[in-house]
Protein backbone atom coordinates (compact mmCIF):
# COMPACT_ATOMS: atom_id res chain seq x y z
CA MET A 1 -19.67 13.91 12.94
CA PRO A 2 -20.07 10.57 11.09
CA ALA A 3 -21.82 7.91 13.17
CA TYR A 4 -18.98 5.41 12.82
CA ARG A 5 -16.37 7.54 14.53
CA ASN A 6 -16.91 6.66 18.19
CA ARG A 7 -17.20 2.99 17.33
CA LEU A 8 -13.78 3.03 15.67
CA PHE A 9 -12.18 4.34 18.80
CA VAL A 10 -13.83 1.64 20.92
CA PHE A 11 -12.26 -0.97 18.68
CA SER A 12 -8.94 0.81 18.91
CA ALA A 13 -9.01 0.24 22.66
CA VAL A 14 -8.57 -3.45 22.09
CA ALA A 15 -5.33 -2.84 20.23
CA CYS A 16 -3.37 -3.14 23.45
CA LEU A 17 -3.76 -6.87 23.16
CA SER A 18 -1.71 -7.17 19.99
CA ILE A 19 1.97 -7.22 19.09
CA PHE A 20 2.78 -7.76 15.47
CA LEU A 21 5.48 -9.64 13.58
CA ALA A 22 8.26 -9.69 16.16
CA GLY A 23 8.77 -13.24 14.98
CA CYS A 24 9.92 -12.07 11.58
CA GLY A 25 13.48 -12.49 12.68
CA TYR A 26 12.86 -16.18 11.90
CA ASN A 27 15.96 -18.37 11.68
CA SER A 28 15.60 -20.58 8.61
CA SER A 29 17.88 -23.20 10.16
CA GLY A 30 15.29 -23.90 12.84
CA SER A 31 12.84 -26.79 12.72
CA VAL A 32 9.54 -25.88 11.06
CA PRO A 33 6.72 -28.42 10.61
CA ASN A 34 5.55 -29.24 7.10
CA VAL A 35 1.98 -28.32 8.06
CA ARG A 36 1.60 -24.97 9.82
CA SER A 37 -1.60 -23.57 11.37
CA TYR A 38 -2.48 -19.87 11.56
CA ASN A 39 -5.26 -17.61 12.84
CA GLY A 40 -5.86 -14.59 10.63
CA THR A 41 -7.59 -11.22 10.53
CA ALA A 42 -8.61 -9.44 7.33
CA SER A 43 -8.73 -5.67 6.98
CA VAL A 44 -12.43 -5.92 6.11
CA GLY A 45 -13.15 -7.62 9.45
CA ASP A 46 -13.04 -11.38 8.77
CA PHE A 47 -11.64 -14.00 11.16
CA LEU A 48 -9.96 -16.94 9.43
CA THR A 49 -8.14 -20.16 10.22
CA ILE A 50 -5.46 -21.08 7.67
CA SER A 51 -3.02 -23.96 7.30
CA VAL A 52 -0.09 -24.29 4.91
CA ASP A 53 1.14 -27.74 3.81
CA SER A 54 4.60 -27.19 2.34
CA THR A 55 4.86 -30.82 1.22
CA ALA A 56 1.59 -30.90 -0.73
CA LYS A 57 2.00 -27.18 -1.63
CA THR A 58 -1.57 -26.39 -0.56
CA ILE A 59 -3.26 -23.75 1.58
CA THR A 60 -6.46 -24.64 3.45
CA TYR A 61 -8.61 -21.78 4.71
CA ASP A 62 -11.88 -21.33 6.59
CA ASP A 63 -13.34 -17.82 6.71
CA VAL A 64 -15.44 -18.02 9.87
CA THR A 65 -17.11 -14.69 9.07
CA ASN A 66 -18.58 -15.57 5.67
CA SER A 67 -18.29 -19.41 5.72
CA SER A 68 -16.11 -19.60 2.60
CA THR A 69 -13.62 -22.47 2.64
CA GLY A 70 -11.13 -24.12 0.35
CA THR A 71 -7.96 -26.14 -0.11
CA VAL A 72 -5.98 -24.54 -2.92
CA PRO A 73 -2.56 -25.18 -4.49
CA TYR A 74 0.26 -22.68 -4.60
CA THR A 75 3.65 -22.34 -6.26
CA ILE A 76 6.64 -20.34 -5.06
CA ALA A 77 7.57 -17.41 -7.30
CA PRO A 78 11.19 -16.26 -7.82
CA ASP A 79 10.70 -13.45 -5.27
CA GLY A 80 9.60 -15.93 -2.60
CA SER A 81 5.91 -15.07 -2.79
CA TYR A 82 3.18 -17.67 -3.12
CA ALA A 83 1.21 -17.67 -6.39
CA ILE A 84 -2.12 -19.15 -5.25
CA THR A 85 -4.53 -20.89 -7.63
CA ASP A 86 -7.93 -20.61 -5.96
CA PRO A 87 -10.81 -21.84 -8.17
CA SER A 88 -13.18 -19.50 -6.31
CA GLY A 89 -10.95 -16.51 -7.11
CA ASN A 90 -10.56 -15.60 -3.44
CA LEU A 91 -6.93 -16.08 -2.35
CA LEU A 92 -4.46 -14.53 -4.79
CA THR A 93 -0.93 -14.01 -3.47
CA GLY A 94 0.87 -14.62 -0.18
CA TYR A 95 4.12 -14.34 1.74
CA GLU A 96 5.06 -16.57 4.65
CA VAL A 97 7.69 -16.56 7.36
CA PRO A 98 7.08 -20.24 8.20
CA GLY A 99 5.71 -20.83 11.67
CA TYR A 100 5.34 -17.10 12.41
CA VAL A 101 3.30 -15.03 9.96
CA LEU A 102 1.39 -15.45 6.70
CA LEU A 103 0.28 -12.49 4.56
CA VAL A 104 -2.40 -13.09 1.92
CA GLU A 105 -4.27 -10.96 -0.59
CA ALA A 106 -7.96 -11.93 -0.69
CA ALA A 107 -10.43 -10.85 -3.37
CA LYS A 108 -13.65 -12.16 -1.79
CA ALA A 109 -13.57 -11.30 1.91
CA GLY A 110 -16.25 -9.62 4.03
CA THR A 111 -19.69 -10.77 5.09
CA GLN A 112 -20.86 -10.95 1.46
CA ALA A 113 -17.63 -12.61 0.24
CA ASP A 114 -17.09 -9.87 -2.34
CA THR A 115 -14.57 -7.43 -0.85
CA PRO A 116 -10.79 -7.20 -1.52
CA ALA A 117 -8.79 -7.26 1.74
CA LEU A 118 -5.35 -7.92 3.16
CA ILE A 119 -5.13 -10.91 5.55
CA THR A 120 -2.51 -11.04 8.31
CA ALA A 121 -2.29 -14.45 9.97
CA PHE A 122 -0.19 -15.72 12.88
CA GLU A 123 0.78 -19.17 14.12
CA THR A 124 -1.88 -20.64 16.39
CA VAL A 125 -0.68 -20.74 20.01
CA PRO A 126 -2.39 -20.50 23.43
CA VAL A 127 -3.33 -17.01 24.65
CA SER A 128 -4.77 -15.41 27.80
CA ILE A 129 -5.63 -11.91 28.97
CA GLY A 130 -3.19 -12.29 31.86
CA SER A 131 -0.28 -12.25 29.40
CA VAL A 132 -0.72 -8.56 28.60
CA THR A 133 -1.73 -7.00 31.91
CA GLY A 134 0.56 -4.27 33.17
CA LYS A 135 1.87 -3.50 29.68
CA SER A 136 1.47 -0.86 26.99
CA TYR A 137 1.78 -0.91 23.19
CA ASN A 138 1.57 1.15 20.04
CA PHE A 139 -0.96 0.08 17.42
CA ILE A 140 -2.05 0.59 13.84
CA GLN A 141 -5.48 -0.36 12.51
CA PHE A 142 -6.20 -1.41 8.91
CA ARG A 143 -9.74 -1.09 7.52
CA THR A 144 -11.46 -1.09 4.12
CA THR A 145 -13.78 1.78 5.15
CA ALA A 146 -13.75 5.03 7.16
CA GLY A 147 -10.38 6.29 6.00
CA GLY A 148 -8.54 3.01 6.24
CA VAL A 149 -5.92 3.80 8.89
CA ASN A 150 -5.51 5.07 12.43
CA ILE A 151 -2.77 4.76 15.05
CA GLY A 152 -2.43 5.11 18.79
CA THR A 153 -1.23 3.84 22.12
CA VAL A 154 -2.86 1.48 24.62
CA SER A 155 -2.12 0.28 28.14
CA ILE A 156 -3.60 -2.51 30.28
CA ASP A 157 -3.70 -2.24 34.06
CA ALA A 158 -3.24 -5.07 36.55
CA GLN A 159 -6.99 -5.84 36.47
CA GLY A 160 -7.06 -6.09 32.67
CA ASP A 161 -8.88 -2.81 32.08
CA ILE A 162 -7.82 -1.03 28.91
CA GLN A 163 -6.97 2.64 28.41
CA HIS A 164 -6.54 3.89 24.85
CA SER A 165 -5.71 7.01 22.88
CA THR A 166 -6.12 7.28 19.11
CA TYR A 167 -4.96 9.59 16.33
CA SER A 168 -7.22 9.44 13.27
CA PRO A 169 -6.08 11.26 10.10
CA MET A 170 -9.65 10.91 8.77
CA ALA A 171 -10.50 13.92 10.96
CA LEU A 172 -9.13 16.01 8.10
CA ILE A 173 -12.27 15.02 6.17
CA TRP A 174 -14.54 15.55 9.13
CA GLY A 175 -13.22 19.12 9.23
CA ASN A 176 -13.70 19.43 12.99
CA ASN A 177 -10.05 19.06 14.14
CA GLU A 178 -11.03 16.14 16.41
CA TYR A 179 -8.03 14.03 15.53
CA PHE A 180 -7.70 12.52 19.02
CA ASP A 181 -9.89 10.38 21.21
CA THR A 182 -9.26 8.66 24.55
CA GLY A 183 -11.23 6.21 26.63
CA THR A 184 -11.31 3.02 28.66
CA PHE A 185 -12.56 -0.51 28.07
CA ASP A 186 -13.74 -2.77 30.91
CA ALA A 187 -12.06 -6.18 31.18
CA SER A 188 -15.32 -7.72 32.42
CA SER A 189 -16.45 -8.08 28.78
CA ILE A 190 -13.62 -10.51 27.96
CA THR A 191 -14.39 -14.22 27.55
CA GLU A 192 -11.58 -16.73 27.12
CA ASP A 193 -12.31 -19.59 24.72
CA PRO A 194 -12.12 -23.14 26.19
CA SER A 195 -9.60 -24.03 23.48
CA GLY A 196 -7.14 -21.54 24.94
CA ASP A 197 -6.29 -20.35 21.41
CA PHE A 198 -8.20 -17.05 21.49
CA PHE A 199 -10.50 -14.89 23.58
CA THR A 200 -13.37 -12.61 22.70
CA ILE A 201 -14.16 -8.98 23.51
CA HIS A 202 -17.93 -8.41 23.68
CA GLU A 203 -18.77 -4.87 22.58
CA GLN A 204 -21.76 -2.86 23.81
CA ASP A 205 -23.34 -3.02 20.34
CA SER A 206 -23.24 -6.87 20.49
CA SER A 207 -20.32 -7.13 18.07
CA LYS A 208 -17.31 -9.27 18.96
CA ASP A 209 -13.55 -8.83 18.63
CA VAL A 210 -11.43 -11.98 18.43
CA VAL A 211 -7.98 -11.82 20.05
CA PHE A 212 -5.44 -14.49 19.13
CA GLY A 213 -1.81 -15.22 19.86
CA THR A 214 1.39 -15.61 17.92
CA GLN A 215 4.76 -17.09 18.78
CA ASN A 216 6.44 -15.93 21.99
CA GLY A 217 3.20 -14.56 23.49
CA LEU A 218 2.39 -12.06 20.72
CA TRP A 219 -1.13 -10.93 19.75
CA ALA A 220 -3.46 -9.67 17.02
CA VAL A 221 -7.12 -8.60 17.06
CA ASP A 222 -9.86 -9.21 14.51
CA THR A 223 -12.76 -6.76 14.74
CA SER A 224 -15.95 -6.46 12.70
CA ILE A 225 -14.51 -3.48 10.80
CA GLY A 226 -10.88 -4.44 10.33
CA ALA A 227 -7.59 -5.67 11.71
CA ILE A 228 -5.73 -4.20 14.69
CA LEU A 229 -1.98 -4.81 14.75
CA GLY A 230 -0.20 -4.04 17.99
CA LEU A 231 3.41 -2.88 18.02
CA PRO A 232 5.85 -3.19 20.92
CA LYS A 233 7.30 0.11 22.05
CA ALA A 234 11.00 0.58 21.39
CA ALA A 235 13.53 1.68 24.01
CA SER A 236 14.30 4.89 22.08
CA LYS A 237 12.41 7.28 19.83
CA ASP A 238 15.22 7.24 17.26
CA PHE A 239 15.27 5.25 14.04
CA ASP A 240 17.54 2.19 14.27
CA PRO A 241 19.83 1.95 11.19
CA ALA A 242 19.64 -1.84 11.55
CA SER A 243 16.12 -1.56 10.06
CA ALA A 244 17.48 -0.12 6.83
CA GLY A 245 17.16 -2.24 3.71
CA ALA A 246 14.85 -3.39 0.93
CA TYR A 247 11.48 -4.94 1.77
CA THR A 248 9.04 -6.75 -0.50
CA SER A 249 5.47 -5.87 0.45
CA LEU A 250 1.83 -6.72 0.02
CA TYR A 251 -0.44 -3.70 0.19
CA TYR A 252 -4.07 -2.57 -0.08
CA GLU A 253 -4.99 0.81 -1.55
CA LYS A 254 -8.26 2.66 -2.08
CA ALA A 255 -8.15 5.74 -4.28
CA ASN A 256 -10.60 8.63 -4.56
CA ALA A 257 -12.76 7.41 -1.70
CA GLN A 258 -15.68 9.28 -0.15
CA THR A 259 -18.00 8.45 2.75
CA ASP A 260 -21.73 9.14 2.61
CA GLN A 261 -24.13 9.86 5.48
CA ASN A 262 -24.77 6.12 5.94
CA ASN A 263 -21.03 5.48 6.42
CA ASN A 264 -20.73 3.76 3.04
CA GLU A 265 -17.34 4.37 1.47
CA SER A 266 -16.89 4.58 -2.28
CA GLY A 267 -13.56 4.41 -4.07
CA THR A 268 -11.44 2.09 -6.17
CA PRO A 269 -9.64 -0.65 -4.18
CA THR A 270 -6.50 -2.32 -5.52
CA GLN A 271 -4.00 -4.78 -4.08
CA GLY A 272 -0.55 -5.76 -5.17
CA LYS A 273 3.06 -6.60 -4.50
CA GLY A 274 5.14 -3.52 -3.86
CA SER A 275 8.41 -2.55 -2.24
CA VAL A 276 9.76 -0.44 0.58
CA THR A 277 13.31 0.87 0.77
CA VAL A 278 14.81 2.54 3.84
CA THR A 279 18.26 4.08 4.14
CA ALA A 280 20.42 4.09 7.26
CA ALA A 281 19.49 7.76 7.69
CA GLY A 282 15.75 6.90 7.73
CA ALA A 283 14.83 8.05 4.23
CA ILE A 284 11.91 5.88 3.07
CA THR A 285 10.31 5.18 -0.31
CA ILE A 286 7.15 3.09 -0.65
CA ASN A 287 6.47 1.84 -4.19
CA ASP A 288 3.32 0.30 -5.67
CA SER A 289 3.17 -2.74 -7.96
CA GLN A 290 4.17 -0.59 -10.94
CA GLY A 291 7.29 0.69 -9.20
CA THR A 292 5.75 4.14 -8.74
CA ALA A 293 6.55 5.91 -5.47
CA ILE A 294 3.36 6.43 -3.45
CA ALA A 295 5.17 7.86 -0.42
CA THR A 296 8.63 9.32 0.16
CA GLY A 297 10.36 11.26 2.90
CA THR A 298 12.49 10.97 6.01
CA LEU A 299 11.07 9.17 9.03
CA VAL A 300 10.24 11.39 11.99
CA PRO A 301 9.62 9.81 15.41
CA ILE A 302 6.06 10.29 16.62
CA ALA A 303 7.72 11.77 19.70
CA ASP A 304 8.98 14.63 17.51
CA ALA A 305 5.79 15.14 15.50
CA ALA A 306 4.17 17.99 17.43
CA TYR A 307 0.83 17.59 15.64
CA ILE A 308 0.51 14.06 17.14
CA TYR A 309 2.48 14.24 20.39
CA ASN A 310 3.44 17.40 22.28
CA GLY A 311 3.32 16.26 25.89
CA THR A 312 -0.15 17.67 26.59
CA PRO A 313 -3.39 15.77 27.36
CA SER A 314 -5.00 17.12 24.18
CA GLU A 315 -2.88 14.84 21.96
CA LEU A 316 -1.49 11.31 22.30
CA PRO A 317 -0.36 10.90 25.93
CA ASP A 318 2.58 8.68 24.94
CA PRO A 319 5.48 9.38 22.53
CA CYS A 320 5.04 5.94 20.93
CA PHE A 321 8.73 5.01 20.74
CA GLY A 322 9.22 2.76 17.72
CA MET A 323 6.58 4.39 15.53
CA PHE A 324 7.45 6.98 12.87
CA THR A 325 5.64 9.32 10.54
CA VAL A 326 6.20 11.30 7.36
CA ARG A 327 4.00 14.31 6.66
CA THR A 328 3.99 15.74 3.14
CA GLN A 329 2.02 18.97 2.86
CA THR A 330 1.48 21.36 -0.02
CA VAL A 331 -0.89 24.27 -0.45
CA ASN A 332 -3.52 21.88 -1.80
CA SER A 333 -2.92 18.49 -0.15
CA LEU A 334 -1.78 16.63 2.97
CA GLN A 335 -0.41 13.09 3.34
CA ASP A 336 0.30 11.38 6.67
CA VAL A 337 2.38 8.17 6.53
CA PHE A 338 2.92 5.89 9.54
CA VAL A 339 5.69 3.29 9.81
CA SER A 340 6.94 0.77 12.36
CA PHE A 341 9.64 -1.91 12.16
CA GLN A 342 9.32 -5.31 13.81
CA GLY A 343 12.24 -7.69 13.30
CA ASN A 344 12.57 -8.19 9.55
CA ALA A 345 9.20 -6.60 8.81
CA VAL A 346 7.97 -3.07 8.13
CA ILE A 347 4.33 -2.12 8.78
CA PHE A 348 3.04 1.00 7.04
CA GLY A 349 -0.11 3.01 6.39
CA SER A 350 -1.00 6.31 4.72
CA PHE A 351 -3.92 8.74 4.45
CA GLN A 352 -4.03 11.60 1.92
CA SER A 353 -6.58 14.23 0.94
CA ALA A 354 -6.98 17.74 -0.39
CA LEU A 355 -6.77 20.94 1.65
CA PRO A 356 -8.74 22.53 3.12
CA GLY A 357 -10.32 19.46 4.72
CA GLN A 358 -14.06 19.02 4.27
CA ASN A 359 -16.61 16.20 3.97
CA SER A 360 -16.89 16.53 0.21
CA ASN A 361 -13.19 15.88 -0.38
CA PRO A 362 -12.13 12.55 -1.91
CA TYR A 363 -9.27 10.81 -0.12
CA THR A 364 -6.80 8.00 -0.75
CA TYR A 365 -5.31 5.54 1.72
CA PHE A 366 -3.08 2.51 1.62
CA TYR A 367 -1.46 0.12 4.08
CA GLY A 368 0.59 -3.03 4.07
CA VAL A 369 3.41 -5.14 5.39
CA GLY A 370 6.86 -5.65 3.91
CA LEU A 371 9.30 -8.47 4.64
CA ARG A 372 13.07 -8.12 4.26
């Protein structure tokens, strides 16, 4: 078993602290300040502070992880995206729901400031651990290594202790059928920052996870290996036709990846503006920047996907209402796609590889966020 695997599941435990993009039902008639402040997490594991000045048409960023900073101009493209002119070549393209969420493609993220990554940033507001106790959430994690994507469910008890369960499609490569992992995380390792804007999870290996808030008491988590996006559970397992429509997306993809014995992942990363279309019947198509479909199918509730949830302790212990999947399987390949809708946003991820699963197989993954 690769050495990184257990560590990924520890990080997944923190996902209970995040809810993502419920604010995307933003009402444009509301009052939004000209300068808006955000905290952000990159899929490579960077923590950033970002501000957008819509009068000066500039974005100011500070990557706390690698110390890169800048104030860069942007223009608004016909599709509503931000075309960013960053002299350092770092920030490329963005989408903003003002005062709620900012999505940015970065070319020079990571500790060495040389890794492409997708940044998700949320308006800076006060947060505390007490806001999430006694609750449970779905989650999806975005990474630039180790298979890119996993999903799961997390709950927090009255004392703030965390219980988590994870499904990792990367187990297809491991070839050991260990797709599921469960565990707990002690709340005693949480330290709230004096600013009140974030708190920190101190891991046993001395790494730190930064938890920050969004509007209306929402959350996101930045870890040293990626971004965790929490998703509120829906009241029903069924797809809501109100989520149907056309979404413009930013996505990250790595093709033909492989992981060596030192947990280094090869592969060709790309980022771009894509699209997602969903019909009222739940048929979904995810397109890349060239308009090519990279995933298609009809959404199936996790609750009805027996290979992820079947009501037994050996799989996810929760049906994850509000999260959907599409599995496309042939004699020679398998693709798992995961989708959730939050307000006017769609969050998606995919993992694909050859069959039978084995360590030598190359694999491809992608993930992103679309706004309607």
